[in-house]
Amino acid sequence: MRAAVLHEIGQDKLEVLDDVEAAGFGPGRVKIRVRATGLCHSDLSAMSGVLPQPGPFVPGHEGAGEILDVGEGVTNVKPGDRVVVCWLPACGACPACKRGQTELCLAGFMNAGTPNFKRPAGDVFGMAGTGTFTEEVVVDAGCAVPIPDDVPFDIAALIGCGVTTGLGAALNTADVEAGSSVAVIGCGGVGISAIQGARLKGAAEIVAVDPVASRRESALKFGATRAVSPDELPDTKQTLTAGEGFDYVFEVVGKSATARTAYENTRRGGTLVVVGAGAMDDFLQLSMFELFFDEKRILPSMYGGGDVMRSYERTIALWRAGRIDLEGLITHRVPLSEINEALDQMRTGVALRTCIEI
């Protein structure tokens, strides 16, 4: 079986090997034939060590495919079912799940410490307990969510992470008010999804902020009313808000520097939504005075900040109705053998989302 493997954390290239086997099949588990997987920036962050991940490992957590086999006790899917991979399944029994905050369930993270694959050279982990840069993967049954037959695998893969995260930040976490002003800092696939969410909620002004010109151009097609480089943001803030700041600012980069910029461009009493996944040792500095005096709400948004199953269903309904564009998010397609080309496309910012077809 083929899979793309990172041998050591910190390496910048993957090796596509054909001696990898999916491991761990048994009760409560399912085997999935992966058909399509998206490349998320979190994959790069795990490779570089920004996000904690044991190695060696198979990256990828935004995937879709077909069920090949199910273990004893599995009732939610059967062989032949089309599914999206959910990297953060809800257990339904922990305190977070019982409170209705299923996106904060930690059960899925417990899977990250168990190898999903094996090679003659030893065990191989899967990113976030999944690992979709492969032909086959074994995951907990809760990670396999059935999808309707009319949803293509490439679209379903995007729903598995980036689209759910970005849309949910606007629809669930921020609950953007109609007629408001919005700025989105970082306009890759997740940021573009946040822009689409703000448009759905009726925001009057949506400013896309990104250093890459092609991403700024794309943002306008997805609903941004203006698209500016980071250097142009201060003048845009002055023009649109008379210097007061935006009602909502979404930080979709995952760095303290951009989070600080986002805070400074949020109006007093406004809302800063932190969407980007950053490093554990990258600290955001705020004074106690400004926290008190500005009364800005700082809202982290984990995986869209809402019930994941409901978010999947809502996204599919919006896509079917033509209210959101998911096909347009896929700007590049490559086979698994060209995975390193996809990594370069993400690093340079030329791709919103690259679909790896397997």
Protein backbone atom coordinates (compact mmCIF):
# COMPACT_ATOMS: atom_id res chain seq x y z
CA MET A 1 0.00 0.00 0.00
CA ARG A 2 1.25 3.49 -0.84
CA ALA A 3 1.46 6.29 1.69
CA ALA A 4 3.36 9.56 2.04
CA VAL A 5 5.56 9.42 5.17
CA LEU A 6 7.48 12.07 7.08
CA HIS A 7 10.40 10.25 8.66
CA GLU A 8 11.41 12.94 11.17
CA ILE A 9 9.69 16.06 12.51
CA GLY A 10 11.33 19.08 10.92
CA GLN A 11 11.85 17.58 7.48
CA ASP A 12 10.18 19.51 4.67
CA LYS A 13 9.53 16.68 2.21
CA LEU A 14 7.53 13.47 2.31
CA GLU A 15 8.55 10.13 0.88
CA VAL A 16 5.91 8.10 -0.95
CA LEU A 17 6.47 4.48 0.03
CA ASP A 18 4.78 1.26 -1.07
CA ASP A 19 5.63 -0.86 1.98
CA VAL A 20 3.14 0.73 4.38
CA GLU A 21 0.25 -1.19 5.94
CA ALA A 22 -2.81 0.17 7.70
CA ALA A 23 -2.70 -1.07 11.30
CA GLY A 24 -5.04 -1.37 14.27
CA PHE A 25 -8.13 -2.90 12.68
CA GLY A 26 -10.45 -4.55 15.20
CA PRO A 27 -13.58 -3.96 17.29
CA GLY A 28 -14.93 -0.44 16.99
CA ARG A 29 -12.63 0.37 14.06
CA VAL A 30 -13.12 0.76 10.33
CA LYS A 31 -10.87 0.54 7.28
CA ILE A 32 -11.28 3.29 4.68
CA ARG A 33 -10.13 3.38 1.06
CA VAL A 34 -9.13 7.04 0.71
CA ARG A 35 -10.25 8.59 -2.60
CA ALA A 36 -9.43 12.27 -2.10
CA THR A 37 -7.68 14.34 0.54
CA GLY A 38 -7.04 18.03 0.92
CA LEU A 39 -3.78 19.58 2.03
CA CYS A 40 -4.37 21.76 5.09
CA HIS A 41 -1.82 24.18 6.52
CA SER A 42 -2.03 22.21 9.76
CA ASP A 43 -0.30 19.36 7.93
CA LEU A 44 2.68 21.65 7.32
CA SER A 45 2.57 22.79 10.94
CA ALA A 46 2.69 19.19 12.17
CA MET A 47 5.58 18.43 9.85
CA SER A 48 7.57 21.41 11.12
CA GLY A 49 6.80 20.72 14.79
CA VAL A 50 4.61 23.79 15.33
CA LEU A 51 1.75 21.42 16.17
CA PRO A 52 2.62 18.43 18.39
CA GLN A 53 2.64 15.15 16.50
CA PRO A 54 4.65 11.96 17.09
CA GLY A 55 6.71 10.68 14.19
CA PRO A 56 7.34 9.14 11.84
CA PHE A 57 3.86 9.86 10.56
CA VAL A 58 1.53 10.01 7.59
CA PRO A 59 0.13 13.55 7.31
CA GLY A 60 -3.37 14.38 6.13
CA HIS A 61 -6.58 14.69 8.11
CA GLU A 62 -8.96 16.18 5.53
CA GLY A 63 -10.08 13.14 3.55
CA ALA A 64 -12.96 11.16 2.12
CA GLY A 65 -13.38 7.68 0.73
CA GLU A 66 -15.22 4.36 0.96
CA ILE A 67 -15.55 1.87 3.80
CA LEU A 68 -13.68 -1.35 3.03
CA ASP A 69 -14.33 -3.21 6.27
CA VAL A 70 -15.84 -2.69 9.71
CA GLY A 71 -14.86 -4.21 13.03
CA GLU A 72 -17.06 -5.90 15.57
CA GLY A 73 -19.64 -3.62 17.14
CA VAL A 74 -19.61 -0.97 14.39
CA THR A 75 -23.13 0.03 13.42
CA ASN A 76 -22.87 3.55 11.97
CA VAL A 77 -21.31 2.46 8.65
CA LYS A 78 -21.00 -0.64 6.49
CA PRO A 79 -18.68 -1.73 3.65
CA GLY A 80 -19.27 0.35 0.54
CA ASP A 81 -20.50 3.45 2.40
CA ARG A 82 -19.07 6.78 1.27
CA VAL A 83 -17.63 8.72 4.21
CA VAL A 84 -15.76 11.85 5.20
CA VAL A 85 -12.96 11.48 7.74
CA CYS A 86 -13.63 13.40 10.96
CA TRP A 87 -10.32 13.96 12.77
CA LEU A 88 -12.07 15.16 15.94
CA PRO A 89 -14.89 12.71 16.68
CA ALA A 90 -17.14 13.29 19.66
CA CYS A 91 -17.35 10.52 22.25
CA GLY A 92 -20.74 11.72 23.48
CA ALA A 93 -19.93 10.90 27.11
CA CYS A 94 -17.28 13.37 28.33
CA PRO A 95 -18.15 16.62 30.14
CA ALA A 96 -17.56 18.69 26.97
CA CYS A 97 -19.91 16.51 24.92
CA LYS A 98 -22.56 16.55 27.63
CA ARG A 99 -22.42 20.37 27.63
CA GLY A 100 -23.00 20.37 23.90
CA GLN A 101 -19.43 21.49 23.13
CA THR A 102 -18.53 18.45 21.08
CA GLU A 103 -15.76 20.32 19.25
CA LEU A 104 -13.86 20.32 22.57
CA CYS A 105 -14.01 16.55 23.04
CA LEU A 106 -10.51 15.17 23.61
CA ALA A 107 -11.28 11.55 22.75
CA GLY A 108 -10.02 11.95 19.20
CA PHE A 109 -6.70 13.37 20.35
CA MET A 110 -6.10 10.22 22.37
CA ASN A 111 -5.88 8.33 19.06
CA ALA A 112 -2.87 10.41 17.99
CA GLY A 113 -0.60 8.44 20.30
CA THR A 114 -1.48 5.09 18.74
CA PRO A 115 0.22 4.09 15.46
CA ASN A 116 -2.17 3.85 12.50
CA PHE A 117 0.35 2.25 10.17
CA LYS A 118 3.31 -0.10 10.16
CA ARG A 119 6.31 -0.70 7.95
CA PRO A 120 9.07 -3.30 8.05
CA ALA A 121 11.13 -0.57 9.73
CA GLY A 122 8.57 -0.05 12.50
CA ASP A 123 5.40 1.74 13.51
CA VAL A 124 4.12 4.87 11.77
CA PHE A 125 1.61 7.31 13.26
CA GLY A 126 -1.20 9.11 11.49
CA MET A 127 -1.80 12.83 11.83
CA ALA A 128 -4.33 13.58 14.57
CA GLY A 129 -5.09 9.87 14.78
CA THR A 130 -6.01 9.67 11.08
CA GLY A 131 -3.44 10.12 8.28
CA THR A 132 -5.10 10.49 4.87
CA PHE A 133 -2.08 10.81 2.55
CA THR A 134 -2.45 7.10 1.91
CA GLU A 135 -4.50 4.60 -0.02
CA GLU A 136 -6.02 3.02 3.09
CA VAL A 137 -6.35 4.01 6.73
CA VAL A 138 -7.84 2.42 9.86
CA VAL A 139 -9.63 4.77 12.26
CA ASP A 140 -12.20 4.66 15.05
CA ALA A 141 -15.70 4.22 13.70
CA GLY A 142 -16.63 7.67 14.97
CA CYS A 143 -14.11 9.18 12.55
CA ALA A 144 -16.07 7.83 9.57
CA VAL A 145 -19.11 10.02 8.86
CA PRO A 146 -21.46 8.91 6.06
CA ILE A 147 -22.01 11.36 3.21
CA PRO A 148 -24.78 11.48 0.58
CA ASP A 149 -24.10 9.97 -2.84
CA ASP A 150 -24.31 13.35 -4.58
CA VAL A 151 -21.34 14.81 -2.67
CA PRO A 152 -18.09 14.18 -4.61
CA PHE A 153 -15.13 12.89 -2.64
CA ASP A 154 -13.05 16.02 -3.26
CA ILE A 155 -15.82 18.28 -1.90
CA ALA A 156 -16.40 15.95 1.06
CA ALA A 157 -12.70 16.06 1.92
CA LEU A 158 -12.78 19.86 2.22
CA ILE A 159 -15.78 19.64 4.53
CA GLY A 160 -13.71 17.37 6.78
CA CYS A 161 -11.64 20.29 8.05
CA GLY A 162 -11.00 23.60 6.28
CA VAL A 163 -14.51 24.52 5.21
CA THR A 164 -16.08 23.44 8.50
CA THR A 165 -13.46 25.43 10.43
CA GLY A 166 -13.80 28.65 8.44
CA LEU A 167 -17.56 28.66 7.96
CA GLY A 168 -18.13 27.74 11.59
CA ALA A 169 -15.92 30.57 12.83
CA ALA A 170 -18.30 33.05 11.19
CA LEU A 171 -21.59 31.22 11.67
CA ASN A 172 -21.08 29.65 15.11
CA THR A 173 -18.29 31.36 17.02
CA ALA A 174 -18.69 34.97 15.89
CA ASP A 175 -22.35 34.76 14.84
CA VAL A 176 -21.65 37.74 12.58
CA GLU A 177 -24.35 40.38 12.70
CA ALA A 178 -25.99 41.54 9.45
CA GLY A 179 -24.72 44.92 8.31
CA SER A 180 -21.46 44.65 10.26
CA SER A 181 -17.87 45.16 9.16
CA VAL A 182 -15.49 42.20 8.97
CA ALA A 183 -11.78 41.74 8.31
CA VAL A 184 -10.22 38.33 7.64
CA ILE A 185 -6.45 38.08 8.07
CA GLY A 186 -5.13 35.09 6.17
CA CYS A 187 -7.03 34.03 3.05
CA GLY A 188 -6.16 30.45 2.32
CA GLY A 189 -8.90 27.82 2.22
CA VAL A 190 -9.98 28.40 5.84
CA GLY A 191 -9.93 32.20 5.53
CA ILE A 192 -11.92 32.08 2.29
CA SER A 193 -14.46 29.87 4.06
CA ALA A 194 -14.72 32.45 6.85
CA ILE A 195 -15.34 35.10 4.18
CA GLN A 196 -18.14 32.98 2.73
CA GLY A 197 -19.60 32.58 6.21
CA ALA A 198 -19.54 36.35 6.83
CA ARG A 199 -21.24 36.90 3.47
CA LEU A 200 -23.94 34.38 4.38
CA LYS A 201 -24.57 36.25 7.63
CA GLY A 202 -25.04 39.54 5.78
CA ALA A 203 -21.88 41.46 6.66
CA ALA A 204 -21.83 44.79 4.83
CA GLU A 205 -18.05 45.09 4.51
CA ILE A 206 -15.73 42.10 4.27
CA VAL A 207 -12.05 42.96 3.95
CA ALA A 208 -9.67 40.18 2.93
CA VAL A 209 -6.09 40.68 4.15
CA ASP A 210 -3.29 38.59 2.67
CA PRO A 211 0.24 39.23 1.35
CA VAL A 212 -0.32 37.00 -1.71
CA ALA A 213 -1.95 38.84 -4.62
CA SER A 214 -3.61 35.74 -6.11
CA ARG A 215 -5.31 35.00 -2.81
CA ARG A 216 -6.58 38.56 -2.59
CA GLU A 217 -8.03 38.22 -6.08
CA SER A 218 -9.69 34.93 -5.14
CA ALA A 219 -11.16 36.42 -1.96
CA LEU A 220 -13.10 38.96 -4.02
CA LYS A 221 -14.71 36.14 -6.00
CA PHE A 222 -15.86 34.44 -2.80
CA GLY A 223 -17.56 37.45 -1.23
CA ALA A 224 -14.94 39.89 0.04
CA THR A 225 -15.85 43.50 -0.72
CA ARG A 226 -12.22 44.61 -0.59
CA ALA A 227 -8.90 42.79 -0.64
CA VAL A 228 -5.72 44.41 0.67
CA SER A 229 -2.16 43.55 1.59
CA PRO A 230 -1.19 43.74 5.28
CA ASP A 231 0.53 47.09 4.63
CA GLU A 232 -2.73 48.51 3.28
CA LEU A 233 -4.82 47.48 6.27
CA PRO A 234 -4.30 50.67 8.35
CA ASP A 235 -5.53 52.92 5.52
CA THR A 236 -8.46 50.58 4.86
CA LYS A 237 -9.41 50.66 8.54
CA GLN A 238 -9.34 54.46 8.44
CA THR A 239 -11.39 54.64 5.23
CA LEU A 240 -14.09 52.16 6.21
CA THR A 241 -14.39 52.70 9.95
CA ALA A 242 -13.02 56.22 10.49
CA GLY A 243 -10.20 54.58 12.42
CA GLU A 244 -12.46 52.90 14.96
CA GLY A 245 -11.80 49.35 13.82
CA PHE A 246 -13.88 46.49 12.48
CA ASP A 247 -16.79 44.86 14.24
CA TYR A 248 -15.27 41.41 13.69
CA VAL A 249 -11.69 40.43 12.85
CA PHE A 250 -10.77 36.82 12.06
CA GLU A 251 -7.15 35.74 12.59
CA VAL A 252 -6.60 32.75 10.30
CA VAL A 253 -2.80 32.51 10.33
CA GLY A 254 -1.93 31.13 13.75
CA LYS A 255 0.82 33.54 14.79
CA SER A 256 0.96 35.96 17.71
CA ALA A 257 2.04 38.81 15.41
CA THR A 258 -1.07 38.52 13.24
CA ALA A 259 -3.26 37.98 16.31
CA ARG A 260 -1.90 41.24 17.73
CA THR A 261 -2.65 42.98 14.41
CA ALA A 262 -6.13 41.52 14.50
CA TYR A 263 -6.65 42.81 18.05
CA GLU A 264 -5.50 46.30 17.11
CA ASN A 265 -7.88 46.39 14.13
CA THR A 266 -10.90 45.28 16.16
CA ARG A 267 -13.05 48.16 17.39
CA ARG A 268 -13.61 48.69 21.10
CA GLY A 269 -16.38 46.31 22.08
CA GLY A 270 -15.82 44.32 18.91
CA THR A 271 -14.93 40.67 18.43
CA LEU A 272 -11.60 39.04 17.60
CA VAL A 273 -11.97 35.42 16.46
CA VAL A 274 -8.81 33.29 16.64
CA VAL A 275 -9.02 30.55 14.01
CA GLY A 276 -5.38 29.84 13.15
CA ALA A 277 -3.63 26.95 14.88
CA GLY A 278 -0.35 28.21 16.34
CA ALA A 279 2.61 27.00 18.35
CA MET A 280 2.49 26.32 22.09
CA ASP A 281 5.45 28.64 22.70
CA ASP A 282 4.15 31.58 20.63
CA PHE A 283 2.59 33.93 23.15
CA LEU A 284 0.19 36.81 22.47
CA GLN A 285 0.91 39.84 24.64
CA LEU A 286 -1.94 42.06 25.84
CA SER A 287 -1.88 44.53 28.70
CA MET A 288 -4.35 44.14 31.52
CA PHE A 289 -5.40 47.74 30.91
CA GLU A 290 -6.35 47.26 27.26
CA LEU A 291 -8.19 44.04 28.07
CA PHE A 292 -10.29 45.95 30.58
CA PHE A 293 -10.59 49.28 28.82
CA ASP A 294 -11.28 48.14 25.25
CA GLU A 295 -13.80 45.45 26.20
CA LYS A 296 -12.99 43.48 23.09
CA ARG A 297 -14.22 39.90 22.97
CA ILE A 298 -11.50 37.36 22.14
CA LEU A 299 -13.10 34.15 20.90
CA PRO A 300 -11.00 31.13 19.94
CA SER A 301 -12.73 28.92 17.39
CA MET A 302 -11.88 25.22 17.48
CA TYR A 303 -13.00 23.27 14.40
CA GLY A 304 -15.74 25.79 13.69
CA GLY A 305 -16.87 26.16 17.28
CA GLY A 306 -19.99 24.01 17.02
CA ASP A 307 -21.38 20.50 16.69
CA VAL A 308 -19.33 18.92 13.92
CA MET A 309 -22.05 16.60 12.62
CA ARG A 310 -24.52 19.48 12.38
CA SER A 311 -21.88 21.62 10.69
CA TYR A 312 -21.26 18.93 8.05
CA GLU A 313 -24.99 18.70 7.31
CA ARG A 314 -25.38 22.48 7.12
CA THR A 315 -22.41 22.83 4.79
CA ILE A 316 -23.77 20.19 2.42
CA ALA A 317 -27.18 21.90 2.41
CA LEU A 318 -25.62 25.30 1.66
CA TRP A 319 -23.47 23.79 -1.10
CA ARG A 320 -26.44 22.04 -2.70
CA ALA A 321 -28.40 25.31 -2.67
CA GLY A 322 -25.52 27.16 -4.34
CA ARG A 323 -25.06 29.45 -1.35
CA ILE A 324 -21.37 28.57 -0.94
CA ASP A 325 -18.71 27.71 -3.51
CA LEU A 326 -16.65 24.67 -2.57
CA GLU A 327 -15.49 23.61 -6.04
CA GLY A 328 -13.74 26.96 -6.47
CA LEU A 329 -11.63 26.37 -3.36
CA ILE A 330 -9.78 23.56 -5.16
CA THR A 331 -7.22 25.42 -7.23
CA HIS A 332 -4.81 22.55 -7.81
CA ARG A 333 -4.99 18.75 -8.16
CA VAL A 334 -2.11 16.29 -7.92
CA PRO A 335 -1.70 12.53 -7.55
CA LEU A 336 -0.18 11.13 -4.36
CA SER A 337 3.13 10.67 -6.19
CA GLU A 338 3.40 14.48 -6.52
CA ILE A 339 2.57 15.29 -2.88
CA ASN A 340 5.71 17.40 -2.45
CA GLU A 341 4.57 19.66 -5.27
CA ALA A 342 1.37 20.19 -3.29
CA LEU A 343 3.41 21.13 -0.22
CA ASP A 344 5.26 23.76 -2.25
CA GLN A 345 1.97 25.15 -3.54
CA MET A 346 0.76 25.58 0.03
CA ARG A 347 4.01 27.11 1.27
CA THR A 348 4.16 29.70 -1.51
CA GLY A 349 0.49 30.57 -1.18
CA VAL A 350 -0.39 29.88 -4.81
CA ALA A 351 -2.99 27.28 -3.78
CA LEU A 352 -6.16 27.82 -1.78
CA ARG A 353 -6.60 24.07 -1.51
CA THR A 354 -4.77 21.31 -3.35
CA CYS A 355 -6.69 18.08 -3.74
CA ILE A 356 -4.59 14.94 -3.66
CA GLU A 357 -6.36 12.32 -5.75
CA ILE A 358 -5.61 8.79 -4.64
